Amino acid sequence: MVLVSSIFSGLAGVEHIYIMTIEMFFFGTPYVNKVFGIKDKETAKHPLVKTLAANQGLYNGLLSAGLLWAAATGRQDLTFAFNGAVVVAALYGAITVKPTILFIQGGPSIAALIVAGLGH
């Protein structure tokens, strides 16, 4: 069970590296606007909005570091802590932005928590 939960933690970590990258370095590009459903290109390019997105990207990068740490070590305390944080963020995103965030962003972490919980 530890191996499977580590795989899901690793997948969540890689996903958050992707999110960090597009938020920090490519926010405001046509691709990222499409990913986030941003229709107003001027708003996406506004310096304040880009700064807020980069800040959010940094948080996703920090989450990915913890998720990858959990995956690499198989430590279940880290698995529960970092995947739990992702699920809380995904729940908030699902409530405030769009419901699919729970499954897209939170899916691998939910799976990691279920598997880790079954193994406990």
N, C-alpha and C. Protein backbone atom coordinates (compact mmCIF):
# COMPACT_ATOMS: atom_id res chain seq x y z
N MET A 1 0.81 -1.20 0.00
CA MET A 1 0.00 0.00 0.00
C MET A 1 0.85 1.27 0.00
N VAL A 2 2.00 1.22 0.67
CA VAL A 2 2.88 2.38 0.71
C VAL A 2 3.37 2.73 -0.69
N LEU A 3 3.71 1.72 -1.48
CA LEU A 3 4.17 1.97 -2.85
C LEU A 3 3.08 2.64 -3.68
N VAL A 4 1.87 2.16 -3.58
CA VAL A 4 0.77 2.73 -4.37
C VAL A 4 0.47 4.16 -3.93
N SER A 5 0.43 4.39 -2.62
CA SER A 5 0.18 5.77 -2.16
C SER A 5 1.34 6.68 -2.55
N SER A 6 2.57 6.15 -2.59
CA SER A 6 3.72 6.94 -3.04
C SER A 6 3.60 7.29 -4.51
N ILE A 7 3.10 6.36 -5.31
CA ILE A 7 2.91 6.64 -6.75
C ILE A 7 1.89 7.76 -6.93
N PHE A 8 0.77 7.68 -6.21
CA PHE A 8 -0.24 8.75 -6.32
C PHE A 8 0.31 10.08 -5.79
N SER A 9 1.09 10.05 -4.72
CA SER A 9 1.71 11.28 -4.22
C SER A 9 2.66 11.86 -5.26
N GLY A 10 3.42 10.99 -5.92
CA GLY A 10 4.33 11.45 -6.97
C GLY A 10 3.58 12.07 -8.14
N LEU A 11 2.47 11.45 -8.53
CA LEU A 11 1.65 12.02 -9.61
C LEU A 11 1.11 13.39 -9.21
N ALA A 12 0.65 13.51 -7.98
CA ALA A 12 0.17 14.80 -7.49
C ALA A 12 1.31 15.82 -7.48
N GLY A 13 2.50 15.39 -7.09
CA GLY A 13 3.66 16.28 -7.08
C GLY A 13 4.01 16.79 -8.47
N VAL A 14 4.00 15.89 -9.44
CA VAL A 14 4.30 16.29 -10.82
C VAL A 14 3.22 17.23 -11.35
N GLU A 15 1.97 16.93 -11.02
CA GLU A 15 0.87 17.81 -11.45
C GLU A 15 1.05 19.21 -10.88
N HIS A 16 1.49 19.31 -9.63
CA HIS A 16 1.67 20.63 -9.02
C HIS A 16 2.91 21.36 -9.54
N ILE A 17 3.89 20.63 -10.02
CA ILE A 17 5.01 21.28 -10.72
C ILE A 17 4.50 21.92 -12.00
N TYR A 18 3.64 21.20 -12.71
CA TYR A 18 3.03 21.73 -13.94
C TYR A 18 2.23 22.99 -13.62
N ILE A 19 1.38 22.92 -12.58
CA ILE A 19 0.57 24.08 -12.21
C ILE A 19 1.46 25.25 -11.82
N MET A 20 2.50 24.97 -11.03
CA MET A 20 3.44 26.02 -10.63
C MET A 20 4.06 26.68 -11.87
N THR A 21 4.48 25.87 -12.81
CA THR A 21 5.15 26.39 -14.00
C THR A 21 4.24 27.31 -14.81
N ILE A 22 3.00 26.87 -15.04
CA ILE A 22 2.14 27.73 -15.86
C ILE A 22 1.70 28.98 -15.11
N GLU A 23 1.55 28.89 -13.80
CA GLU A 23 1.15 30.08 -13.04
C GLU A 23 2.30 31.06 -12.88
N MET A 24 3.50 30.58 -12.69
CA MET A 24 4.63 31.47 -12.44
C MET A 24 5.26 32.02 -13.72
N PHE A 25 5.32 31.22 -14.76
CA PHE A 25 6.12 31.60 -15.92
C PHE A 25 5.32 31.83 -17.20
N PHE A 26 4.11 31.28 -17.30
CA PHE A 26 3.38 31.38 -18.56
C PHE A 26 1.99 31.98 -18.42
N PHE A 27 1.69 32.55 -17.24
CA PHE A 27 0.37 33.13 -17.03
C PHE A 27 0.16 34.28 -18.02
N GLY A 28 -1.02 34.33 -18.62
CA GLY A 28 -1.34 35.37 -19.59
C GLY A 28 -1.12 34.93 -21.03
N THR A 29 -0.51 33.77 -21.24
CA THR A 29 -0.34 33.26 -22.60
C THR A 29 -1.65 32.64 -23.06
N PRO A 30 -1.86 32.52 -24.37
CA PRO A 30 -3.11 31.93 -24.86
C PRO A 30 -3.38 30.53 -24.30
N TYR A 31 -2.34 29.71 -24.20
CA TYR A 31 -2.52 28.36 -23.66
C TYR A 31 -3.03 28.39 -22.22
N VAL A 32 -2.40 29.19 -21.38
CA VAL A 32 -2.79 29.24 -19.96
C VAL A 32 -4.17 29.89 -19.82
N ASN A 33 -4.45 30.90 -20.64
CA ASN A 33 -5.79 31.50 -20.60
C ASN A 33 -6.85 30.44 -20.90
N LYS A 34 -6.56 29.57 -21.85
CA LYS A 34 -7.50 28.50 -22.20
C LYS A 34 -7.62 27.50 -21.04
N VAL A 35 -6.49 27.11 -20.45
CA VAL A 35 -6.49 26.16 -19.32
C VAL A 35 -7.36 26.69 -18.18
N PHE A 36 -7.21 27.97 -17.87
CA PHE A 36 -7.94 28.56 -16.75
C PHE A 36 -9.28 29.18 -17.14
N GLY A 37 -9.62 29.12 -18.42
CA GLY A 37 -10.89 29.68 -18.88
C GLY A 37 -10.95 31.19 -18.80
N ILE A 38 -9.79 31.84 -19.00
CA ILE A 38 -9.72 33.30 -18.94
C ILE A 38 -10.07 33.87 -20.31
N LYS A 39 -11.14 34.64 -20.36
CA LYS A 39 -11.58 35.20 -21.64
C LYS A 39 -11.04 36.61 -21.86
N ASP A 40 -10.83 37.35 -20.79
CA ASP A 40 -10.34 38.72 -20.90
C ASP A 40 -8.81 38.71 -20.86
N LYS A 41 -8.20 38.77 -22.02
CA LYS A 41 -6.74 38.68 -22.13
C LYS A 41 -6.03 39.84 -21.44
N GLU A 42 -6.66 41.00 -21.42
CA GLU A 42 -6.04 42.17 -20.79
C GLU A 42 -5.92 41.97 -19.27
N THR A 43 -6.95 41.41 -18.67
CA THR A 43 -6.91 41.16 -17.23
C THR A 43 -5.79 40.18 -16.90
N ALA A 44 -5.67 39.13 -17.71
CA ALA A 44 -4.65 38.10 -17.46
C ALA A 44 -3.24 38.67 -17.56
N LYS A 45 -3.07 39.73 -18.36
CA LYS A 45 -1.74 40.32 -18.53
C LYS A 45 -1.47 41.47 -17.56
N HIS A 46 -2.45 41.84 -16.78
CA HIS A 46 -2.26 42.92 -15.82
C HIS A 46 -1.17 42.52 -14.81
N PRO A 47 -0.23 43.44 -14.52
CA PRO A 47 0.87 43.10 -13.61
C PRO A 47 0.42 42.57 -12.24
N LEU A 48 -0.62 43.12 -11.68
CA LEU A 48 -1.09 42.66 -10.38
C LEU A 48 -1.62 41.22 -10.47
N VAL A 49 -2.38 40.94 -11.50
CA VAL A 49 -2.94 39.60 -11.68
C VAL A 49 -1.82 38.59 -11.92
N LYS A 50 -0.84 38.98 -12.73
CA LYS A 50 0.30 38.08 -12.99
C LYS A 50 1.09 37.83 -11.70
N THR A 51 1.23 38.85 -10.87
CA THR A 51 1.93 38.68 -9.60
C THR A 51 1.16 37.75 -8.66
N LEU A 52 -0.16 37.92 -8.61
CA LEU A 52 -0.98 37.03 -7.78
C LEU A 52 -0.89 35.59 -8.27
N ALA A 53 -0.91 35.39 -9.59
CA ALA A 53 -0.80 34.04 -10.15
C ALA A 53 0.57 33.44 -9.83
N ALA A 54 1.61 34.25 -9.93
CA ALA A 54 2.96 33.75 -9.61
C ALA A 54 3.05 33.35 -8.14
N ASN A 55 2.44 34.14 -7.25
CA ASN A 55 2.43 33.81 -5.84
C ASN A 55 1.71 32.48 -5.61
N GLN A 56 0.59 32.31 -6.27
CA GLN A 56 -0.16 31.06 -6.18
C GLN A 56 0.69 29.90 -6.72
N GLY A 57 1.42 30.16 -7.79
CA GLY A 57 2.31 29.14 -8.35
C GLY A 57 3.39 28.72 -7.38
N LEU A 58 3.91 29.69 -6.63
CA LEU A 58 4.92 29.37 -5.63
C LEU A 58 4.37 28.40 -4.59
N TYR A 59 3.15 28.65 -4.14
CA TYR A 59 2.52 27.74 -3.18
C TYR A 59 2.36 26.34 -3.77
N ASN A 60 1.98 26.27 -5.04
CA ASN A 60 1.87 24.96 -5.69
C ASN A 60 3.23 24.28 -5.78
N GLY A 61 4.28 25.05 -5.99
CA GLY A 61 5.63 24.49 -6.02
C GLY A 61 6.03 23.93 -4.67
N LEU A 62 5.67 24.64 -3.60
CA LEU A 62 5.97 24.15 -2.26
C LEU A 62 5.19 22.87 -1.94
N LEU A 63 3.94 22.83 -2.37
CA LEU A 63 3.16 21.60 -2.21
C LEU A 63 3.80 20.45 -2.97
N SER A 64 4.25 20.73 -4.19
CA SER A 64 4.87 19.66 -4.98
C SER A 64 6.13 19.13 -4.30
N ALA A 65 6.89 20.00 -3.67
CA ALA A 65 8.10 19.54 -2.96
C ALA A 65 7.72 18.57 -1.84
N GLY A 66 6.68 18.89 -1.10
CA GLY A 66 6.23 18.01 -0.04
C GLY A 66 5.67 16.70 -0.56
N LEU A 67 4.91 16.79 -1.64
CA LEU A 67 4.33 15.58 -2.24
C LEU A 67 5.43 14.65 -2.76
N LEU A 68 6.43 15.23 -3.40
CA LEU A 68 7.53 14.42 -3.91
C LEU A 68 8.38 13.86 -2.78
N TRP A 69 8.51 14.60 -1.70
CA TRP A 69 9.22 14.11 -0.51
C TRP A 69 8.47 12.90 0.05
N ALA A 70 7.15 13.01 0.15
CA ALA A 70 6.34 11.89 0.63
C ALA A 70 6.49 10.69 -0.30
N ALA A 71 6.46 10.94 -1.60
CA ALA A 71 6.57 9.85 -2.57
C ALA A 71 7.93 9.17 -2.50
N ALA A 72 8.98 9.96 -2.37
CA ALA A 72 10.35 9.42 -2.37
C ALA A 72 10.67 8.62 -1.11
N THR A 73 10.09 9.03 0.00
CA THR A 73 10.43 8.38 1.27
C THR A 73 9.40 7.34 1.71
N GLY A 74 8.19 7.43 1.16
CA GLY A 74 7.14 6.52 1.58
C GLY A 74 6.61 6.81 2.98
N ARG A 75 7.00 7.95 3.53
CA ARG A 75 6.55 8.30 4.88
C ARG A 75 5.06 8.65 4.86
N GLN A 76 4.29 7.88 5.59
CA GLN A 76 2.85 8.08 5.60
C GLN A 76 2.43 9.36 6.29
N ASP A 77 3.22 9.83 7.26
CA ASP A 77 2.87 11.11 7.89
C ASP A 77 2.94 12.24 6.86
N LEU A 78 3.95 12.20 6.00
CA LEU A 78 4.06 13.21 4.94
C LEU A 78 2.96 13.02 3.89
N THR A 79 2.66 11.77 3.59
CA THR A 79 1.59 11.49 2.63
C THR A 79 0.28 12.11 3.10
N PHE A 80 -0.07 11.89 4.37
CA PHE A 80 -1.32 12.45 4.89
C PHE A 80 -1.26 13.98 4.96
N ALA A 81 -0.15 14.54 5.38
CA ALA A 81 -0.05 15.99 5.54
C ALA A 81 -0.15 16.72 4.20
N PHE A 82 0.69 16.35 3.24
CA PHE A 82 0.73 17.11 1.99
C PHE A 82 -0.45 16.80 1.07
N ASN A 83 -0.86 15.54 1.00
CA ASN A 83 -2.04 15.23 0.19
C ASN A 83 -3.29 15.81 0.83
N GLY A 84 -3.32 15.83 2.16
CA GLY A 84 -4.44 16.47 2.85
C GLY A 84 -4.54 17.95 2.52
N ALA A 85 -3.40 18.62 2.46
CA ALA A 85 -3.39 20.04 2.11
C ALA A 85 -3.91 20.26 0.69
N VAL A 86 -3.51 19.38 -0.22
CA VAL A 86 -3.98 19.48 -1.61
C VAL A 86 -5.49 19.29 -1.67
N VAL A 87 -6.01 18.33 -0.94
CA VAL A 87 -7.45 18.07 -0.96
C VAL A 87 -8.22 19.27 -0.41
N VAL A 88 -7.72 19.89 0.66
CA VAL A 88 -8.37 21.09 1.20
C VAL A 88 -8.38 22.20 0.15
N ALA A 89 -7.23 22.41 -0.52
CA ALA A 89 -7.16 23.43 -1.56
C ALA A 89 -8.09 23.11 -2.73
N ALA A 90 -8.15 21.84 -3.10
CA ALA A 90 -9.03 21.43 -4.20
C ALA A 90 -10.50 21.60 -3.83
N LEU A 91 -10.86 21.31 -2.59
CA LEU A 91 -12.23 21.54 -2.13
C LEU A 91 -12.58 23.02 -2.20
N TYR A 92 -11.67 23.85 -1.74
CA TYR A 92 -11.91 25.30 -1.79
C TYR A 92 -12.06 25.76 -3.25
N GLY A 93 -11.18 25.27 -4.12
CA GLY A 93 -11.29 25.62 -5.54
C GLY A 93 -12.58 25.13 -6.17
N ALA A 94 -13.02 23.94 -5.76
CA ALA A 94 -14.27 23.39 -6.29
C ALA A 94 -15.47 24.24 -5.86
N ILE A 95 -15.41 24.75 -4.65
CA ILE A 95 -16.51 25.58 -4.14
C ILE A 95 -16.49 26.98 -4.73
N THR A 96 -15.30 27.56 -4.87
CA THR A 96 -15.20 28.96 -5.27
C THR A 96 -14.96 29.19 -6.76
N VAL A 97 -14.43 28.19 -7.48
CA VAL A 97 -14.11 28.41 -8.90
C VAL A 97 -14.94 27.49 -9.79
N LYS A 98 -14.64 26.18 -9.75
CA LYS A 98 -15.46 25.23 -10.51
C LYS A 98 -15.30 23.83 -9.92
N PRO A 99 -16.37 23.08 -9.90
CA PRO A 99 -16.39 21.78 -9.23
C PRO A 99 -15.35 20.77 -9.74
N THR A 100 -15.01 20.84 -11.00
CA THR A 100 -14.07 19.85 -11.55
C THR A 100 -12.68 19.95 -10.94
N ILE A 101 -12.37 21.07 -10.30
CA ILE A 101 -11.06 21.22 -9.65
C ILE A 101 -10.85 20.11 -8.61
N LEU A 102 -11.93 19.72 -7.94
CA LEU A 102 -11.80 18.67 -6.93
C LEU A 102 -11.21 17.40 -7.53
N PHE A 103 -11.61 17.06 -8.72
CA PHE A 103 -11.16 15.81 -9.34
C PHE A 103 -9.87 15.99 -10.14
N ILE A 104 -9.74 17.12 -10.82
CA ILE A 104 -8.55 17.35 -11.64
C ILE A 104 -7.33 17.60 -10.76
N GLN A 105 -7.44 18.54 -9.86
CA GLN A 105 -6.31 18.90 -9.00
C GLN A 105 -6.24 17.99 -7.78
N GLY A 106 -7.37 17.57 -7.27
CA GLY A 106 -7.38 16.78 -6.05
C GLY A 106 -7.38 15.27 -6.24
N GLY A 107 -7.67 14.81 -7.46
CA GLY A 107 -7.81 13.38 -7.71
C GLY A 107 -6.65 12.51 -7.25
N PRO A 108 -5.43 12.80 -7.70
CA PRO A 108 -4.30 11.97 -7.26
C PRO A 108 -4.10 11.99 -5.74
N SER A 109 -4.33 13.13 -5.13
CA SER A 109 -4.17 13.21 -3.67
C SER A 109 -5.27 12.47 -2.94
N ILE A 110 -6.49 12.53 -3.46
CA ILE A 110 -7.59 11.77 -2.86
C ILE A 110 -7.26 10.28 -2.94
N ALA A 111 -6.77 9.83 -4.10
CA ALA A 111 -6.40 8.42 -4.26
C ALA A 111 -5.28 8.05 -3.29
N ALA A 112 -4.27 8.91 -3.16
CA ALA A 112 -3.16 8.64 -2.24
C ALA A 112 -3.67 8.49 -0.81
N LEU A 113 -4.59 9.36 -0.40
CA LEU A 113 -5.13 9.30 0.96
C LEU A 113 -5.97 8.05 1.19
N ILE A 114 -6.75 7.68 0.20
CA ILE A 114 -7.57 6.47 0.33
C ILE A 114 -6.68 5.25 0.49
N VAL A 115 -5.68 5.13 -0.40
CA VAL A 115 -4.78 3.97 -0.34
C VAL A 115 -3.99 3.96 0.95
N ALA A 116 -3.48 5.12 1.35
CA ALA A 116 -2.71 5.20 2.61
C ALA A 116 -3.60 4.86 3.80
N GLY A 117 -4.84 5.31 3.77
CA GLY A 117 -5.77 5.00 4.85
C GLY A 117 -6.11 3.52 4.92
N LEU A 118 -6.23 2.89 3.76
CA LEU A 118 -6.50 1.45 3.73
C LEU A 118 -5.33 0.64 4.29
N GLY A 119 -4.14 1.18 4.09
CA GLY A 119 -2.96 0.48 4.57
C GLY A 119 -2.64 0.71 6.04
N HIS A 120 -3.37 1.62 6.62
CA HIS A 120 -3.11 1.97 8.03
C HIS A 120 -3.83 1.06 8.98
